[in-house]
Amino acid sequence: MERHLQIILNRALKEHKDLLYGSNSEIIVEKIDWIITKKSHIINVKIIMDDPNLYLESHPHGIDFLIHESLPIIGKIKNAVVISTVEFKD
């Protein structure tokens, strides 16, 4: 499921991703887990980008938007909490 979500984020939503994080950005879905007590999924993602100014403008709401836009495509995840880290390219 991680790979499917990553493909959707980087290819199907590429225009939105590029506007939010730059054309050289990449989103890596590291892990999707189920939290029993919260009855929700937790999605760990890493955003690799090269423009700190775009980060300041679009994070964390940008990745939340992208994830929640892609969830209906996957269909298996109803509720999700997103945890993201950002790595800047040299």
Protein backbone atom coordinates (compact mmCIF):
# COMPACT_ATOMS: atom_id res chain seq x y z
CA MET A 1 0.00 0.00 0.00
CA GLU A 2 2.93 2.36 0.68
CA ARG A 3 4.15 2.00 -2.90
CA HIS A 4 0.70 2.69 -4.34
CA LEU A 5 0.33 5.85 -2.30
CA GLN A 6 3.81 7.00 -3.27
CA ILE A 7 3.04 6.55 -6.98
CA ILE A 8 -0.19 8.52 -6.64
CA LEU A 9 1.54 11.35 -4.79
CA ASN A 10 4.50 11.63 -7.17
CA ARG A 11 2.77 10.92 -10.50
CA ALA A 12 -1.00 11.38 -10.37
CA LEU A 13 -0.78 14.51 -8.20
CA LYS A 14 2.49 15.71 -9.74
CA GLU A 15 1.20 19.18 -10.66
CA HIS A 16 0.05 19.86 -7.11
CA LYS A 17 3.24 18.38 -5.65
CA ASP A 18 5.40 20.54 -7.92
CA LEU A 19 3.49 23.69 -6.96
CA LEU A 20 3.81 22.95 -3.26
CA TYR A 21 7.37 21.61 -3.05
CA GLY A 22 9.09 22.31 -6.38
CA SER A 23 9.66 20.34 -9.55
CA ASN A 24 12.70 18.53 -8.09
CA SER A 25 10.76 17.29 -5.07
CA GLU A 26 9.90 13.71 -4.22
CA ILE A 27 7.58 12.26 -1.61
CA ILE A 28 8.57 8.93 -0.08
CA VAL A 29 5.95 6.99 1.87
CA GLU A 30 7.98 5.24 4.55
CA LYS A 31 5.27 3.38 6.45
CA ILE A 32 1.52 3.06 6.89
CA ASP A 33 0.34 1.64 10.22
CA TRP A 34 -3.01 1.05 11.89
CA ILE A 35 -3.54 2.57 15.34
CA ILE A 36 -6.03 0.38 17.17
CA THR A 37 -6.86 2.85 19.94
CA LYS A 38 -7.53 5.71 17.52
CA LYS A 39 -9.13 3.51 14.81
CA SER A 40 -7.06 5.39 12.27
CA HIS A 41 -4.06 4.93 10.01
CA ILE A 42 -0.81 6.74 10.58
CA ILE A 43 1.16 7.60 7.44
CA ASN A 44 4.87 8.42 7.73
CA VAL A 45 6.23 10.34 4.75
CA LYS A 46 9.51 11.99 3.85
CA ILE A 47 9.56 14.99 1.53
CA ILE A 48 12.79 15.54 -0.38
CA MET A 49 13.03 19.04 -1.79
CA ASP A 50 15.55 21.75 -2.59
CA ASP A 51 13.79 25.08 -1.92
CA PRO A 52 13.43 26.07 1.76
CA ASN A 53 11.13 28.96 0.82
CA LEU A 54 8.54 26.56 -0.60
CA TYR A 55 8.80 24.54 2.61
CA LEU A 56 7.95 27.57 4.73
CA GLU A 57 4.94 28.40 2.56
CA SER A 58 3.39 24.96 2.19
CA HIS A 59 4.31 22.75 5.13
CA PRO A 60 2.49 20.98 6.88
CA HIS A 61 -0.82 21.75 5.16
CA GLY A 62 0.50 20.89 1.70
CA ILE A 63 1.34 17.27 2.48
CA ASP A 64 -1.96 16.85 4.37
CA PHE A 65 -3.80 18.10 1.29
CA LEU A 66 -1.93 15.73 -1.04
CA ILE A 67 -2.44 12.71 1.22
CA HIS A 68 -6.15 13.34 1.72
CA GLU A 69 -6.65 13.90 -2.03
CA SER A 70 -5.04 10.53 -2.74
CA LEU A 71 -6.88 8.47 -0.11
CA PRO A 72 -10.12 8.04 -2.13
CA ILE A 73 -8.04 6.59 -4.97
CA ILE A 74 -6.60 3.90 -2.68
CA GLY A 75 -9.98 3.29 -1.06
CA LYS A 76 -8.76 1.23 1.91
CA ILE A 77 -7.90 4.12 4.20
CA LYS A 78 -10.68 6.24 5.66
CA ASN A 79 -9.04 8.14 8.53
CA ALA A 80 -5.37 9.05 8.52
CA VAL A 81 -2.88 11.01 10.57
CA VAL A 82 0.13 12.24 8.62
CA ILE A 83 3.62 12.49 10.11
CA SER A 84 6.14 14.07 7.79
CA THR A 85 9.82 14.83 7.75
CA VAL A 86 11.63 17.05 5.26
CA GLU A 87 15.06 16.54 3.76
CA PHE A 88 16.71 19.26 1.70
CA LYS A 89 18.88 18.39 -1.31
CA ASP A 90 22.26 20.07 -1.67
